[in-house]
Amino acid sequence: MLSFPGLRFPAFLAFLLLAPSAFAQPGSELGSGSAIPHGDHPLRTTEDESVTLNSLMGENGLVVVFWSNVCPWTERYANRVVSLARDYQPAGISFAAVNSNDSTRFPDEDFASMRRTAASTGFPFPYLMDDSGAVSIALGARNTPQVYFYSTEGALLYEGAIDDSPADSERARSPYLRNAMNQDLAGQAVEVQLTSALGCTIKLPR
């Protein structure tokens, strides 16, 4: 059995979850850009509305987190993401979760399941269906969860993991996303701009 703190499952299952790309690959060039890639692409919310990432931009930025209804790593991070959103949305940083998994091959990633996930997790932000995978491809997302923090000007300020402890929030010592938002809100440069995001690979439509 492969073991992480608080999480145990067979090694072959871990391989399926993490292969072929266990770590995030950079999408946009960090610290640059004047628009979110594919920011005007329409996405369906679990409230059955059509929005774009650009339309969700907050006064002080936007965090996009790629998500899955069934990945054990997103399950481990759910409460942490909800907490971050509740802490920083009042400061003008909006949040959005995006599901780019192929629901034809993976029925648990379908729209009905997304609605149940949003309700059970208590997302205080939109959960968006990227059924073509276009947004995932445009941003360079590979895993769930993987986060992108954009400035209001569309510059990518941070990409990667939420923190340094995927399996156990109590063991987190480097809250990468929280630090990035704090630094940007304080008018400082983001010190750590890119980290590796451990998680399940996004299963794009074929």
N, C-alpha and C. Protein backbone atom coordinates (compact mmCIF):
# COMPACT_ATOMS: atom_id res chain seq x y z
N MET A 1 0.84 -1.21 0.00
CA MET A 1 0.00 0.00 0.00
C MET A 1 0.87 1.25 0.00
N LEU A 2 0.48 2.22 -0.83
CA LEU A 2 1.15 3.51 -0.80
C LEU A 2 0.47 4.36 0.26
N SER A 3 1.26 5.06 1.04
CA SER A 3 0.68 5.79 2.16
C SER A 3 1.15 7.23 2.17
N PHE A 4 0.18 8.16 2.35
CA PHE A 4 0.44 9.56 2.64
C PHE A 4 -0.17 9.83 4.00
N PRO A 5 0.23 10.89 4.68
CA PRO A 5 -0.36 11.18 5.99
C PRO A 5 -1.87 11.25 5.90
N GLY A 6 -2.55 10.33 6.60
CA GLY A 6 -4.00 10.34 6.63
C GLY A 6 -4.65 9.78 5.40
N LEU A 7 -3.89 9.19 4.47
CA LEU A 7 -4.48 8.70 3.23
C LEU A 7 -3.74 7.47 2.78
N ARG A 8 -4.50 6.35 2.53
CA ARG A 8 -3.88 5.10 2.10
C ARG A 8 -4.68 4.53 0.94
N PHE A 9 -3.99 4.07 -0.09
CA PHE A 9 -4.63 3.38 -1.20
C PHE A 9 -3.57 2.61 -1.95
N PRO A 10 -3.99 1.61 -2.77
CA PRO A 10 -3.02 0.76 -3.47
C PRO A 10 -2.12 1.56 -4.38
N ALA A 11 -0.91 1.07 -4.56
CA ALA A 11 0.08 1.78 -5.37
C ALA A 11 -0.40 1.94 -6.80
N PHE A 12 -1.09 0.93 -7.34
CA PHE A 12 -1.52 1.05 -8.73
C PHE A 12 -2.56 2.15 -8.90
N LEU A 13 -3.40 2.36 -7.87
CA LEU A 13 -4.37 3.44 -7.94
C LEU A 13 -3.68 4.78 -7.87
N ALA A 14 -2.66 4.88 -7.03
CA ALA A 14 -1.90 6.12 -6.96
C ALA A 14 -1.26 6.44 -8.30
N PHE A 15 -0.78 5.40 -8.97
CA PHE A 15 -0.17 5.62 -10.28
C PHE A 15 -1.18 6.17 -11.27
N LEU A 16 -2.40 5.60 -11.25
CA LEU A 16 -3.43 6.07 -12.16
C LEU A 16 -3.82 7.51 -11.87
N LEU A 17 -3.82 7.87 -10.58
CA LEU A 17 -4.20 9.23 -10.21
C LEU A 17 -3.15 10.24 -10.62
N LEU A 18 -1.89 9.85 -10.51
CA LEU A 18 -0.81 10.80 -10.71
C LEU A 18 -0.22 10.78 -12.11
N ALA A 19 -0.26 9.66 -12.80
CA ALA A 19 0.31 9.57 -14.14
C ALA A 19 -0.69 10.08 -15.16
N PRO A 20 -0.20 10.60 -16.33
CA PRO A 20 1.20 10.68 -16.71
C PRO A 20 1.88 11.96 -16.26
N SER A 21 1.13 12.86 -15.62
CA SER A 21 1.76 14.12 -15.23
C SER A 21 1.34 14.47 -13.83
N ALA A 22 2.17 14.13 -12.86
CA ALA A 22 1.82 14.40 -11.47
C ALA A 22 2.06 15.84 -11.09
N PHE A 23 2.82 16.54 -11.91
CA PHE A 23 3.17 17.89 -11.53
C PHE A 23 2.75 18.89 -12.59
N ALA A 24 2.40 20.09 -12.13
CA ALA A 24 1.90 21.11 -13.02
C ALA A 24 2.97 21.57 -14.00
N GLN A 25 2.54 21.89 -15.18
CA GLN A 25 3.42 22.49 -16.17
C GLN A 25 3.01 23.95 -16.34
N PRO A 26 3.95 24.87 -16.45
CA PRO A 26 3.58 26.28 -16.57
C PRO A 26 2.77 26.54 -17.82
N GLY A 27 1.70 27.33 -17.68
CA GLY A 27 0.88 27.69 -18.83
C GLY A 27 1.30 29.05 -19.36
N SER A 28 0.70 30.11 -18.84
CA SER A 28 1.06 31.45 -19.23
C SER A 28 2.39 31.82 -18.58
N GLU A 29 3.04 32.84 -19.13
CA GLU A 29 4.28 33.32 -18.51
C GLU A 29 3.92 34.07 -17.25
N LEU A 30 4.54 33.69 -16.15
CA LEU A 30 4.23 34.29 -14.87
C LEU A 30 4.62 35.77 -14.83
N GLY A 31 3.76 36.55 -14.20
CA GLY A 31 4.03 37.96 -14.03
C GLY A 31 3.75 38.80 -15.26
N SER A 32 3.21 38.19 -16.29
CA SER A 32 2.96 38.95 -17.51
C SER A 32 1.54 38.69 -17.99
N GLY A 33 1.16 39.39 -19.04
CA GLY A 33 -0.15 39.19 -19.64
C GLY A 33 -1.06 40.37 -19.43
N SER A 34 -1.95 40.57 -20.37
CA SER A 34 -2.92 41.64 -20.26
C SER A 34 -4.34 41.08 -20.30
N ALA A 35 -4.45 39.77 -20.33
CA ALA A 35 -5.76 39.12 -20.35
C ALA A 35 -5.61 37.67 -19.95
N ILE A 36 -6.63 37.12 -19.30
CA ILE A 36 -6.63 35.71 -18.97
C ILE A 36 -6.81 34.91 -20.26
N PRO A 37 -5.97 33.92 -20.53
CA PRO A 37 -6.15 33.11 -21.73
C PRO A 37 -7.57 32.51 -21.77
N HIS A 38 -8.24 32.69 -22.88
CA HIS A 38 -9.61 32.18 -23.05
C HIS A 38 -10.56 32.78 -22.02
N GLY A 39 -10.25 33.98 -21.58
CA GLY A 39 -11.06 34.60 -20.54
C GLY A 39 -12.46 34.94 -20.95
N ASP A 40 -12.72 35.00 -22.26
CA ASP A 40 -14.06 35.30 -22.75
C ASP A 40 -14.83 34.06 -23.17
N HIS A 41 -14.26 32.88 -22.93
CA HIS A 41 -14.93 31.63 -23.29
C HIS A 41 -16.11 31.39 -22.36
N PRO A 42 -17.32 31.18 -22.90
CA PRO A 42 -18.49 30.97 -22.02
C PRO A 42 -18.43 29.63 -21.31
N LEU A 43 -18.74 29.65 -20.03
CA LEU A 43 -18.75 28.46 -19.19
C LEU A 43 -20.06 28.37 -18.43
N ARG A 44 -20.56 27.18 -18.24
CA ARG A 44 -21.84 26.95 -17.56
C ARG A 44 -21.62 26.75 -16.08
N THR A 45 -22.33 27.50 -15.28
CA THR A 45 -22.24 27.34 -13.83
C THR A 45 -23.22 26.27 -13.36
N THR A 46 -23.02 25.78 -12.14
CA THR A 46 -23.96 24.82 -11.58
C THR A 46 -25.31 25.45 -11.27
N GLU A 47 -25.39 26.77 -11.36
CA GLU A 47 -26.66 27.48 -11.25
C GLU A 47 -27.31 27.66 -12.61
N ASP A 48 -26.71 26.99 -13.63
CA ASP A 48 -27.21 27.00 -15.01
C ASP A 48 -27.18 28.39 -15.64
N GLU A 49 -26.13 29.13 -15.32
CA GLU A 49 -25.90 30.44 -15.93
C GLU A 49 -24.65 30.36 -16.80
N SER A 50 -24.53 31.27 -17.73
CA SER A 50 -23.35 31.35 -18.59
C SER A 50 -22.49 32.53 -18.17
N VAL A 51 -21.22 32.24 -17.84
CA VAL A 51 -20.31 33.29 -17.41
C VAL A 51 -18.97 33.09 -18.12
N THR A 52 -18.07 34.04 -17.95
CA THR A 52 -16.70 33.91 -18.42
C THR A 52 -15.77 34.20 -17.25
N LEU A 53 -14.53 33.78 -17.36
CA LEU A 53 -13.57 34.10 -16.30
C LEU A 53 -13.39 35.61 -16.18
N ASN A 54 -13.39 36.30 -17.32
CA ASN A 54 -13.25 37.76 -17.28
C ASN A 54 -14.39 38.41 -16.50
N SER A 55 -15.59 37.87 -16.67
CA SER A 55 -16.74 38.48 -15.99
C SER A 55 -16.71 38.23 -14.49
N LEU A 56 -15.95 37.23 -14.06
CA LEU A 56 -15.86 36.90 -12.64
C LEU A 56 -14.72 37.62 -11.93
N MET A 57 -13.92 38.35 -12.67
CA MET A 57 -12.78 39.04 -12.09
C MET A 57 -13.19 39.96 -10.94
N GLY A 58 -12.51 39.86 -9.82
CA GLY A 58 -12.80 40.71 -8.68
C GLY A 58 -12.02 42.02 -8.75
N GLU A 59 -12.30 42.88 -7.82
CA GLU A 59 -11.63 44.18 -7.77
C GLU A 59 -10.12 44.03 -7.59
N ASN A 60 -9.71 42.95 -6.94
CA ASN A 60 -8.28 42.74 -6.69
C ASN A 60 -7.76 41.40 -7.21
N GLY A 61 -8.46 40.83 -8.18
CA GLY A 61 -7.94 39.62 -8.79
C GLY A 61 -8.92 38.47 -8.85
N LEU A 62 -8.44 37.36 -9.37
CA LEU A 62 -9.26 36.17 -9.55
C LEU A 62 -8.40 34.93 -9.34
N VAL A 63 -8.91 34.00 -8.55
CA VAL A 63 -8.28 32.69 -8.37
C VAL A 63 -9.12 31.66 -9.12
N VAL A 64 -8.48 30.93 -10.02
CA VAL A 64 -9.12 29.84 -10.76
C VAL A 64 -8.53 28.54 -10.24
N VAL A 65 -9.38 27.63 -9.78
CA VAL A 65 -8.91 26.35 -9.28
C VAL A 65 -9.56 25.23 -10.09
N PHE A 66 -8.75 24.39 -10.70
CA PHE A 66 -9.27 23.27 -11.48
C PHE A 66 -9.65 22.15 -10.53
N TRP A 67 -10.85 21.57 -10.77
CA TRP A 67 -11.48 20.71 -9.79
C TRP A 67 -12.00 19.42 -10.40
N SER A 68 -12.31 18.48 -9.52
CA SER A 68 -12.89 17.19 -9.89
C SER A 68 -13.90 16.81 -8.83
N ASN A 69 -14.94 16.11 -9.24
CA ASN A 69 -15.94 15.63 -8.29
C ASN A 69 -15.48 14.40 -7.51
N VAL A 70 -14.49 13.69 -8.04
CA VAL A 70 -14.14 12.39 -7.46
C VAL A 70 -12.67 12.25 -7.06
N CYS A 71 -11.84 13.18 -7.41
CA CYS A 71 -10.41 13.08 -7.08
C CYS A 71 -10.22 13.17 -5.57
N PRO A 72 -9.49 12.23 -4.95
CA PRO A 72 -9.28 12.31 -3.50
C PRO A 72 -8.50 13.53 -3.07
N TRP A 73 -7.69 14.08 -3.98
CA TRP A 73 -6.90 15.28 -3.62
C TRP A 73 -7.80 16.52 -3.56
N THR A 74 -8.77 16.65 -4.46
CA THR A 74 -9.69 17.78 -4.36
C THR A 74 -10.55 17.64 -3.11
N GLU A 75 -10.91 16.41 -2.78
CA GLU A 75 -11.67 16.19 -1.54
C GLU A 75 -10.88 16.67 -0.33
N ARG A 76 -9.59 16.39 -0.32
CA ARG A 76 -8.74 16.80 0.80
C ARG A 76 -8.61 18.32 0.89
N TYR A 77 -8.71 18.98 -0.26
CA TYR A 77 -8.52 20.43 -0.29
C TYR A 77 -9.82 21.22 -0.23
N ALA A 78 -10.95 20.56 -0.27
CA ALA A 78 -12.22 21.28 -0.40
C ALA A 78 -12.42 22.31 0.70
N ASN A 79 -12.26 21.90 1.95
CA ASN A 79 -12.48 22.85 3.05
C ASN A 79 -11.48 23.99 3.03
N ARG A 80 -10.24 23.68 2.60
CA ARG A 80 -9.22 24.73 2.54
C ARG A 80 -9.56 25.78 1.48
N VAL A 81 -10.06 25.32 0.34
CA VAL A 81 -10.42 26.26 -0.73
C VAL A 81 -11.61 27.11 -0.30
N VAL A 82 -12.59 26.49 0.31
CA VAL A 82 -13.75 27.24 0.79
C VAL A 82 -13.33 28.29 1.81
N SER A 83 -12.44 27.91 2.71
CA SER A 83 -11.95 28.85 3.72
C SER A 83 -11.20 30.02 3.09
N LEU A 84 -10.36 29.73 2.12
CA LEU A 84 -9.62 30.79 1.43
C LEU A 84 -10.57 31.76 0.74
N ALA A 85 -11.58 31.21 0.07
CA ALA A 85 -12.53 32.07 -0.63
C ALA A 85 -13.27 32.97 0.35
N ARG A 86 -13.68 32.43 1.47
CA ARG A 86 -14.39 33.23 2.46
C ARG A 86 -13.50 34.31 3.08
N ASP A 87 -12.23 34.01 3.17
CA ASP A 87 -11.29 35.00 3.73
C ASP A 87 -10.97 36.12 2.75
N TYR A 88 -10.86 35.79 1.46
CA TYR A 88 -10.32 36.76 0.50
C TYR A 88 -11.34 37.37 -0.44
N GLN A 89 -12.51 36.79 -0.57
CA GLN A 89 -13.52 37.44 -1.42
C GLN A 89 -13.92 38.80 -0.86
N PRO A 90 -14.03 38.98 0.46
CA PRO A 90 -14.32 40.32 0.97
C PRO A 90 -13.21 41.33 0.66
N ALA A 91 -12.00 40.84 0.39
CA ALA A 91 -10.89 41.73 0.04
C ALA A 91 -10.83 42.01 -1.46
N GLY A 92 -11.80 41.49 -2.20
CA GLY A 92 -11.87 41.81 -3.63
C GLY A 92 -11.23 40.78 -4.54
N ILE A 93 -10.87 39.60 -4.02
CA ILE A 93 -10.33 38.54 -4.87
C ILE A 93 -11.43 37.50 -5.07
N SER A 94 -11.87 37.35 -6.30
CA SER A 94 -12.91 36.38 -6.62
C SER A 94 -12.31 34.99 -6.80
N PHE A 95 -13.16 33.99 -6.67
CA PHE A 95 -12.76 32.60 -6.86
C PHE A 95 -13.69 31.92 -7.85
N ALA A 96 -13.17 30.94 -8.56
CA ALA A 96 -13.98 30.11 -9.45
C ALA A 96 -13.34 28.74 -9.55
N ALA A 97 -14.15 27.68 -9.49
CA ALA A 97 -13.67 26.32 -9.71
C ALA A 97 -14.08 25.90 -11.11
N VAL A 98 -13.20 25.16 -11.79
CA VAL A 98 -13.45 24.73 -13.16
C VAL A 98 -13.26 23.22 -13.27
N ASN A 99 -14.23 22.55 -13.87
CA ASN A 99 -14.13 21.11 -14.13
C ASN A 99 -13.96 20.91 -15.63
N SER A 100 -12.79 20.41 -16.03
CA SER A 100 -12.48 20.19 -17.46
C SER A 100 -12.43 18.71 -17.81
N ASN A 101 -12.88 17.85 -16.90
CA ASN A 101 -12.83 16.42 -17.16
C ASN A 101 -13.93 15.98 -18.14
N ASP A 102 -13.63 14.94 -18.89
CA ASP A 102 -14.55 14.41 -19.89
C ASP A 102 -15.65 13.61 -19.18
N SER A 103 -16.85 14.15 -19.16
CA SER A 103 -17.95 13.48 -18.47
C SER A 103 -18.53 12.32 -19.27
N THR A 104 -18.18 12.21 -20.54
CA THR A 104 -18.64 11.07 -21.34
C THR A 104 -17.92 9.80 -20.90
N ARG A 105 -16.61 9.90 -20.75
CA ARG A 105 -15.82 8.74 -20.31
C ARG A 105 -15.84 8.58 -18.79
N PHE A 106 -16.10 9.68 -18.09
CA PHE A 106 -16.09 9.66 -16.62
C PHE A 106 -17.39 10.28 -16.12
N PRO A 107 -18.47 9.49 -16.06
CA PRO A 107 -19.80 10.02 -15.74
C PRO A 107 -19.89 10.77 -14.42
N ASP A 108 -19.02 10.44 -13.45
CA ASP A 108 -19.07 11.15 -12.18
C ASP A 108 -18.59 12.59 -12.27
N GLU A 109 -18.12 12.99 -13.45
CA GLU A 109 -17.71 14.37 -13.66
C GLU A 109 -18.78 15.17 -14.42
N ASP A 110 -19.98 14.61 -14.53
CA ASP A 110 -21.02 15.28 -15.32
C ASP A 110 -21.64 16.44 -14.55
N PHE A 111 -22.54 17.15 -15.23
CA PHE A 111 -23.11 18.37 -14.68
C PHE A 111 -23.91 18.10 -13.40
N ALA A 112 -24.69 17.03 -13.40
CA ALA A 112 -25.47 16.70 -12.20
C ALA A 112 -24.56 16.43 -11.00
N SER A 113 -23.46 15.74 -11.25
CA SER A 113 -22.51 15.47 -10.17
C SER A 113 -21.82 16.75 -9.71
N MET A 114 -21.55 17.66 -10.64
CA MET A 114 -20.98 18.95 -10.27
C MET A 114 -21.91 19.70 -9.33
N ARG A 115 -23.20 19.67 -9.63
CA ARG A 115 -24.16 20.34 -8.77
C ARG A 115 -24.16 19.77 -7.36
N ARG A 116 -24.10 18.45 -7.28
CA ARG A 116 -24.06 17.81 -5.96
C ARG A 116 -22.78 18.18 -5.21
N THR A 117 -21.66 18.22 -5.95
CA THR A 117 -20.39 18.58 -5.32
C THR A 117 -20.42 20.02 -4.79
N ALA A 118 -20.92 20.93 -5.61
CA ALA A 118 -21.00 22.34 -5.19
C ALA A 118 -21.86 22.49 -3.94
N ALA A 119 -22.95 21.74 -3.90
CA ALA A 119 -23.86 21.84 -2.76
C ALA A 119 -23.26 21.21 -1.51
N SER A 120 -22.69 20.01 -1.65
CA SER A 120 -22.17 19.31 -0.48
C SER A 120 -20.91 19.97 0.08
N THR A 121 -20.12 20.58 -0.81
CA THR A 121 -18.89 21.25 -0.38
C THR A 121 -19.16 22.65 0.14
N GLY A 122 -20.26 23.23 -0.29
CA GLY A 122 -20.60 24.58 0.14
C GLY A 122 -19.76 25.64 -0.55
N PHE A 123 -19.50 25.45 -1.84
CA PHE A 123 -18.71 26.43 -2.58
C PHE A 123 -19.36 27.81 -2.50
N PRO A 124 -18.64 28.82 -2.00
CA PRO A 124 -19.17 30.19 -2.00
C PRO A 124 -18.74 30.94 -3.26
N PHE A 125 -18.58 30.21 -4.35
CA PHE A 125 -18.13 30.77 -5.62
C PHE A 125 -18.64 29.86 -6.74
N PRO A 126 -18.61 30.32 -7.99
CA PRO A 126 -19.14 29.51 -9.09
C PRO A 126 -18.29 28.27 -9.36
N TYR A 127 -18.97 27.18 -9.71
CA TYR A 127 -18.35 25.94 -10.16
C TYR A 127 -18.70 25.81 -11.63
N LEU A 128 -17.70 25.82 -12.49
CA LEU A 128 -17.90 25.97 -13.92
C LEU A 128 -17.58 24.70 -14.69
N MET A 129 -18.40 24.39 -15.69
CA MET A 129 -18.19 23.23 -16.54
C MET A 129 -17.46 23.65 -17.81
N ASP A 130 -16.26 23.13 -17.98
CA ASP A 130 -15.44 23.38 -19.18
C ASP A 130 -15.51 22.11 -20.04
N ASP A 131 -16.68 21.88 -20.64
CA ASP A 131 -16.93 20.58 -21.26
C ASP A 131 -16.05 20.28 -22.47
N SER A 132 -15.50 21.30 -23.11
CA SER A 132 -14.60 21.08 -24.24
C SER A 132 -13.14 20.98 -23.81
N GLY A 133 -12.86 21.35 -22.57
CA GLY A 133 -11.48 21.38 -22.09
C GLY A 133 -10.70 22.58 -22.57
N ALA A 134 -11.37 23.53 -23.23
CA ALA A 134 -10.68 24.66 -23.85
C ALA A 134 -9.97 25.54 -22.84
N VAL A 135 -10.59 25.78 -21.69
CA VAL A 135 -9.98 26.65 -20.68
C VAL A 135 -8.78 25.97 -20.04
N SER A 136 -8.92 24.68 -19.76
CA SER A 136 -7.80 23.92 -19.21
C SER A 136 -6.59 23.97 -20.14
N ILE A 137 -6.83 23.76 -21.42
CA ILE A 137 -5.74 23.78 -22.41
C ILE A 137 -5.13 25.17 -22.50
N ALA A 138 -5.98 26.20 -22.53
CA ALA A 138 -5.49 27.57 -22.68
C ALA A 138 -4.61 27.99 -21.50
N LEU A 139 -4.99 27.58 -20.29
CA LEU A 139 -4.22 27.97 -19.11
C LEU A 139 -3.05 27.04 -18.83
N GLY A 140 -3.07 25.86 -19.46
CA GLY A 140 -2.00 24.90 -19.23
C GLY A 140 -2.21 24.03 -18.01
N ALA A 141 -3.46 23.91 -17.55
CA ALA A 141 -3.75 23.10 -16.35
C ALA A 141 -3.61 21.62 -16.67
N ARG A 142 -3.06 20.87 -15.73
CA ARG A 142 -2.86 19.44 -15.90
C ARG A 142 -3.52 18.62 -14.81
N ASN A 143 -3.67 19.21 -13.61
CA ASN A 143 -4.11 18.43 -12.46
C ASN A 143 -5.25 19.09 -11.71
N THR A 144 -5.88 18.27 -10.86
CA THR A 144 -6.85 18.80 -9.89
C THR A 144 -6.41 18.36 -8.50
N PRO A 145 -6.31 19.33 -7.56
CA PRO A 145 -6.52 20.78 -7.76
C PRO A 145 -5.23 21.47 -8.22
N GLN A 146 -5.39 22.44 -9.08
CA GLN A 146 -4.30 23.30 -9.54
C GLN A 146 -4.85 24.71 -9.62
N VAL A 147 -4.14 25.68 -9.05
CA VAL A 147 -4.68 27.04 -8.96
C VAL A 147 -3.88 28.03 -9.81
N TYR A 148 -4.61 29.04 -10.25
CA TYR A 148 -4.04 30.17 -11.00
C TYR A 148 -4.58 31.44 -10.35
N PHE A 149 -3.68 32.32 -9.98
CA PHE A 149 -4.07 33.60 -9.37
C PHE A 149 -3.70 34.71 -10.34
N TYR A 150 -4.73 35.43 -10.81
CA TYR A 150 -4.54 36.51 -11.78
C TYR A 150 -4.81 37.88 -11.16
N SER A 151 -4.02 38.85 -11.59
CA SER A 151 -4.28 40.23 -11.20
C SER A 151 -5.47 40.75 -12.00
N THR A 152 -5.96 41.91 -11.62
CA THR A 152 -7.08 42.49 -12.35
C THR A 152 -6.70 42.84 -13.78
N GLU A 153 -5.42 42.99 -14.05
CA GLU A 153 -4.95 43.28 -15.41
C GLU A 153 -4.76 42.01 -16.23
N GLY A 154 -4.96 40.85 -15.63
CA GLY A 154 -4.80 39.59 -16.35
C GLY A 154 -3.42 39.00 -16.26
N ALA A 155 -2.55 39.57 -15.43
CA ALA A 155 -1.21 39.01 -15.25
C ALA A 155 -1.29 37.80 -14.33
N LEU A 156 -0.60 36.73 -14.70
CA LEU A 156 -0.56 35.53 -13.88
C LEU A 156 0.45 35.75 -12.76
N LEU A 157 -0.03 35.80 -11.52
CA LEU A 157 0.81 36.09 -10.37
C LEU A 157 1.31 34.83 -9.66
N TYR A 158 0.50 33.78 -9.71
CA TYR A 158 0.89 32.53 -9.05
C TYR A 158 0.21 31.36 -9.74
N GLU A 159 0.94 30.25 -9.85
CA GLU A 159 0.39 29.02 -10.43
C GLU A 159 0.92 27.82 -9.65
N GLY A 160 0.04 26.87 -9.36
CA GLY A 160 0.51 25.63 -8.76
C GLY A 160 -0.35 25.10 -7.65
N ALA A 161 0.30 24.68 -6.55
CA ALA A 161 -0.38 24.06 -5.42
C ALA A 161 -0.97 25.11 -4.48
N ILE A 162 -1.98 24.70 -3.75
CA ILE A 162 -2.60 25.58 -2.76
C ILE A 162 -1.67 25.75 -1.56
N ASP A 163 -1.07 24.65 -1.14
CA ASP A 163 -0.07 24.68 -0.07
C ASP A 163 0.83 23.47 -0.23
N ASP A 164 1.68 23.22 0.75
CA ASP A 164 2.68 22.15 0.61
C ASP A 164 2.29 20.84 1.29
N SER A 165 1.01 20.66 1.64
CA SER A 165 0.59 19.44 2.31
C SER A 165 -0.73 18.93 1.73
N PRO A 166 -0.67 18.23 0.59
CA PRO A 166 -1.90 17.77 -0.06
C PRO A 166 -2.77 16.87 0.82
N ALA A 167 -2.14 15.99 1.60
CA ALA A 167 -2.91 15.00 2.34
C ALA A 167 -3.46 15.51 3.67
N ASP A 168 -2.79 16.47 4.28
CA ASP A 168 -3.16 16.85 5.65
C ASP A 168 -2.98 18.35 5.86
N SER A 169 -4.08 19.04 6.01
CA SER A 169 -4.02 20.50 6.17
C SER A 169 -3.25 20.90 7.43
N GLU A 170 -3.27 20.04 8.46
CA GLU A 170 -2.59 20.37 9.71
C GLU A 170 -1.07 20.40 9.55
N ARG A 171 -0.56 19.76 8.51
CA ARG A 171 0.88 19.70 8.30
C ARG A 171 1.38 20.75 7.30
N ALA A 172 0.50 21.59 6.81
CA ALA A 172 0.90 22.62 5.85
C ALA A 172 1.79 23.65 6.52
N ARG A 173 2.94 23.91 5.92
CA ARG A 173 3.88 24.89 6.44
C ARG A 173 4.08 26.05 5.47
N SER A 174 3.73 25.84 4.21
CA SER A 174 3.90 26.89 3.19
C SER A 174 2.57 27.09 2.47
N PRO A 175 1.77 28.04 2.91
CA PRO A 175 0.48 28.32 2.27
C PRO A 175 0.68 29.19 1.01
N TYR A 176 1.12 28.56 -0.06
CA TYR A 176 1.55 29.29 -1.25
C TYR A 176 0.52 30.29 -1.76
N LEU A 177 -0.72 29.81 -1.94
CA LEU A 177 -1.74 30.70 -2.50
C LEU A 177 -2.06 31.84 -1.54
N ARG A 178 -2.22 31.53 -0.28
CA ARG A 178 -2.52 32.58 0.71
C ARG A 178 -1.39 33.62 0.74
N ASN A 179 -0.15 33.16 0.71
CA ASN A 179 0.97 34.10 0.72
C ASN A 179 0.95 34.98 -0.52
N ALA A 180 0.67 34.38 -1.68
CA ALA A 180 0.64 35.15 -2.93
C ALA A 180 -0.43 36.24 -2.87
N MET A 181 -1.61 35.90 -2.37
CA MET A 181 -2.68 36.89 -2.28
C MET A 181 -2.33 37.98 -1.27
N ASN A 182 -1.79 37.59 -0.13
CA ASN A 182 -1.41 38.59 0.87
C ASN A 182 -0.37 39.57 0.33
N GLN A 183 0.62 39.03 -0.36
CA GLN A 183 1.68 39.87 -0.90
C GLN A 183 1.14 40.82 -1.96
N ASP A 184 0.30 40.32 -2.84
CA ASP A 184 -0.24 41.19 -3.88
C ASP A 184 -1.15 42.26 -3.29
N LEU A 185 -1.98 41.91 -2.32
CA LEU A 185 -2.85 42.89 -1.69
C LEU A 185 -2.06 43.96 -0.96
N ALA A 186 -0.86 43.61 -0.49
CA ALA A 186 0.00 44.56 0.21
C ALA A 186 0.85 45.38 -0.76
N GLY A 187 0.67 45.15 -2.06
CA GLY A 187 1.45 45.88 -3.04
C GLY A 187 2.86 45.36 -3.22
N GLN A 188 3.10 44.15 -2.77
CA GLN A 188 4.43 43.54 -2.88
C GLN A 188 4.47 42.55 -4.04
N ALA A 189 5.67 42.23 -4.50
CA ALA A 189 5.84 41.21 -5.51
C ALA A 189 5.59 39.85 -4.88
N VAL A 190 4.98 38.95 -5.64
CA VAL A 190 4.75 37.59 -5.16
C VAL A 190 6.08 36.85 -5.17
N GLU A 191 6.49 36.37 -4.01
CA GLU A 191 7.81 35.76 -3.88
C GLU A 191 7.89 34.39 -4.53
N VAL A 192 6.94 33.52 -4.23
CA VAL A 192 6.90 32.19 -4.84
C VAL A 192 5.78 32.20 -5.88
N GLN A 193 6.17 32.15 -7.14
CA GLN A 193 5.20 32.29 -8.22
C GLN A 193 4.80 30.99 -8.88
N LEU A 194 5.59 29.94 -8.69
CA LEU A 194 5.31 28.67 -9.37
C LEU A 194 5.70 27.50 -8.48
N THR A 195 4.75 26.58 -8.27
CA THR A 195 5.02 25.36 -7.52
C THR A 195 4.43 24.17 -8.26
N SER A 196 4.79 22.97 -7.85
CA SER A 196 4.25 21.75 -8.44
C SER A 196 2.94 21.39 -7.75
N ALA A 197 1.92 21.12 -8.55
CA ALA A 197 0.60 20.80 -8.01
C ALA A 197 0.36 19.30 -8.08
N LEU A 198 0.44 18.63 -6.94
CA LEU A 198 0.15 17.21 -6.86
C LEU A 198 -1.35 17.01 -6.98
N GLY A 199 -1.76 16.03 -7.79
CA GLY A 199 -3.18 15.78 -7.91
C GLY A 199 -3.51 14.76 -8.98
N CYS A 200 -4.80 14.64 -9.27
CA CYS A 200 -5.26 13.75 -10.33
C CYS A 200 -5.13 14.46 -11.67
N THR A 201 -4.73 13.73 -12.70
CA THR A 201 -4.63 14.34 -14.02
C THR A 201 -6.01 14.68 -14.55
N ILE A 202 -6.11 15.81 -15.24
CA ILE A 202 -7.36 16.21 -15.89
C ILE A 202 -7.56 15.31 -17.11
N LYS A 203 -8.72 14.69 -17.19
CA LYS A 203 -9.03 13.78 -18.31
C LYS A 203 -9.78 14.58 -19.37
N LEU A 204 -9.03 15.17 -20.30
CA LEU A 204 -9.64 16.01 -21.32
C LEU A 204 -10.47 15.20 -22.31
N PRO A 205 -11.51 15.81 -22.89
CA PRO A 205 -12.28 15.13 -23.92
C PRO A 205 -11.39 14.74 -25.10
N ARG A 206 -11.63 13.60 -25.68
CA ARG A 206 -10.85 13.15 -26.83
C ARG A 206 -11.41 13.71 -28.12
